[in-house]
Amino acid sequence: MQRATWTVAEILAEYQHDVESFELEMGGGGDFEFSIDGRPIYSKRATGEYPDIKILKQSVVDAIEARAVA
């Protein structure tokens, strides 16, 4: 849970004005599922690995840019 909390804090510190909401749920076995606008971005359950923060931050940037175009 500490790592997930740190990850959320890192993303919000950089993109707090662009993120409307987020959910952090406790899961069993260290699950980490990351979605943006309801679209799954990363699943530790699927990969077996915790994501690199750079990958998640780039996903946030991509989602922000996609919203701007839409």
C-alpha atoms as a PDB file:
ATOM      1  CA  MET A   1       0.000   0.000   0.000  1.00  0.00           C
ATOM      2  CA  GLN A   2       2.887   2.378   0.686  1.00  0.00           C
ATOM      3  CA  ARG A   3       4.141   2.144  -2.864  1.00  0.00           C
ATOM      4  CA  ALA A   4       0.675   2.779  -4.301  1.00  0.00           C
ATOM      5  CA  THR A   5       0.232   5.783  -2.016  1.00  0.00           C
ATOM      6  CA  TRP A   6       3.622   7.149  -3.078  1.00  0.00           C
ATOM      7  CA  THR A   7       2.700   6.654  -6.735  1.00  0.00           C
ATOM      8  CA  VAL A   8      -0.567   8.565  -6.341  1.00  0.00           C
ATOM      9  CA  ALA A   9       1.238  11.364  -4.489  1.00  0.00           C
ATOM     10  CA  GLU A  10       3.829  11.635  -7.277  1.00  0.00           C
ATOM     11  CA  ILE A  11       1.175  11.864  -9.978  1.00  0.00           C
ATOM     12  CA  LEU A  12      -0.972  14.346  -8.071  1.00  0.00           C
ATOM     13  CA  ALA A  13       2.019  16.527  -7.207  1.00  0.00           C
ATOM     14  CA  GLU A  14       2.715  17.020 -10.896  1.00  0.00           C
ATOM     15  CA  TYR A  15      -0.773  16.883 -12.406  1.00  0.00           C
ATOM     16  CA  GLN A  16      -3.109  17.969  -9.599  1.00  0.00           C
ATOM     17  CA  HIS A  17      -4.819  20.584 -11.784  1.00  0.00           C
ATOM     18  CA  ASP A  18      -5.463  18.092 -14.567  1.00  0.00           C
ATOM     19  CA  VAL A  19      -6.753  15.123 -12.552  1.00  0.00           C
ATOM     20  CA  GLU A  20     -10.436  15.415 -11.697  1.00  0.00           C
ATOM     21  CA  SER A  21     -10.538  12.409  -9.390  1.00  0.00           C
ATOM     22  CA  PHE A  22      -8.823   9.175  -8.512  1.00  0.00           C
ATOM     23  CA  GLU A  23      -9.531   6.048  -6.532  1.00  0.00           C
ATOM     24  CA  LEU A  24      -7.118   4.086  -4.437  1.00  0.00           C
ATOM     25  CA  GLU A  25      -8.514   0.758  -3.308  1.00  0.00           C
ATOM     26  CA  MET A  26      -6.850  -1.861  -1.180  1.00  0.00           C
ATOM     27  CA  GLY A  27      -6.547  -5.112  -3.062  1.00  0.00           C
ATOM     28  CA  GLY A  28      -5.253  -8.515  -2.209  1.00  0.00           C
ATOM     29  CA  GLY A  29      -1.814  -9.700  -3.211  1.00  0.00           C
ATOM     30  CA  GLY A  30      -0.414  -6.285  -4.056  1.00  0.00           C
ATOM     31  CA  ASP A  31      -2.703  -5.661  -7.024  1.00  0.00           C
ATOM     32  CA  PHE A  32      -2.154  -2.350  -8.792  1.00  0.00           C
ATOM     33  CA  GLU A  33      -4.614  -1.369 -11.492  1.00  0.00           C
ATOM     34  CA  PHE A  34      -4.261   2.063 -13.113  1.00  0.00           C
ATOM     35  CA  SER A  35      -6.978   3.605 -15.267  1.00  0.00           C
ATOM     36  CA  ILE A  36      -7.520   7.019 -16.791  1.00  0.00           C
ATOM     37  CA  ASP A  37     -11.010   8.206 -17.680  1.00  0.00           C
ATOM     38  CA  GLY A  38     -12.241   4.660 -17.128  1.00  0.00           C
ATOM     39  CA  ARG A  39      -9.742   3.210 -19.597  1.00  0.00           C
ATOM     40  CA  PRO A  40      -7.321   0.636 -18.152  1.00  0.00           C
ATOM     41  CA  ILE A  41      -3.709   1.778 -18.552  1.00  0.00           C
ATOM     42  CA  TYR A  42      -1.690  -0.646 -16.468  1.00  0.00           C
ATOM     43  CA  SER A  43      -2.411  -3.878 -14.627  1.00  0.00           C
ATOM     44  CA  LYS A  44       0.088  -5.428 -12.251  1.00  0.00           C
ATOM     45  CA  ARG A  45      -2.223  -8.421 -12.168  1.00  0.00           C
ATOM     46  CA  ALA A  46      -1.668  -8.883 -15.912  1.00  0.00           C
ATOM     47  CA  THR A  47       2.074  -8.135 -15.990  1.00  0.00           C
ATOM     48  CA  GLY A  48       3.143  -9.434 -12.593  1.00  0.00           C
ATOM     49  CA  GLU A  49       5.272  -6.319 -12.124  1.00  0.00           C
ATOM     50  CA  TYR A  50       4.771  -2.947 -10.509  1.00  0.00           C
ATOM     51  CA  PRO A  51       4.891  -0.189 -13.161  1.00  0.00           C
ATOM     52  CA  ASP A  52       7.645   2.342 -13.519  1.00  0.00           C
ATOM     53  CA  ILE A  53       6.431   5.793 -12.432  1.00  0.00           C
ATOM     54  CA  LYS A  54       7.644   7.222 -15.769  1.00  0.00           C
ATOM     55  CA  ILE A  55       5.234   4.949 -17.639  1.00  0.00           C
ATOM     56  CA  LEU A  56       2.308   6.051 -15.493  1.00  0.00           C
ATOM     57  CA  LYS A  57       3.199   9.734 -15.765  1.00  0.00           C
ATOM     58  CA  GLN A  58       3.441   9.459 -19.549  1.00  0.00           C
ATOM     59  CA  SER A  59       0.008   7.821 -19.565  1.00  0.00           C
ATOM     60  CA  VAL A  60      -1.373  10.796 -17.629  1.00  0.00           C
ATOM     61  CA  VAL A  61       0.222  13.229 -20.102  1.00  0.00           C
ATOM     62  CA  ASP A  62      -1.210  11.264 -23.039  1.00  0.00           C
ATOM     63  CA  ALA A  63      -4.698  11.334 -21.484  1.00  0.00           C
ATOM     64  CA  ILE A  64      -4.474  15.070 -20.804  1.00  0.00           C
ATOM     65  CA  GLU A  65      -3.416  15.731 -24.389  1.00  0.00           C
ATOM     66  CA  ALA A  66      -6.201  13.479 -25.736  1.00  0.00           C
ATOM     67  CA  ARG A  67      -8.768  15.446 -23.716  1.00  0.00           C
ATOM     68  CA  ALA A  68      -7.450  18.719 -25.133  1.00  0.00           C
ATOM     69  CA  VAL A  69      -7.898  17.464 -28.692  1.00  0.00           C
ATOM     70  CA  ALA A  70     -11.394  16.057 -28.114  1.00  0.00           C
END
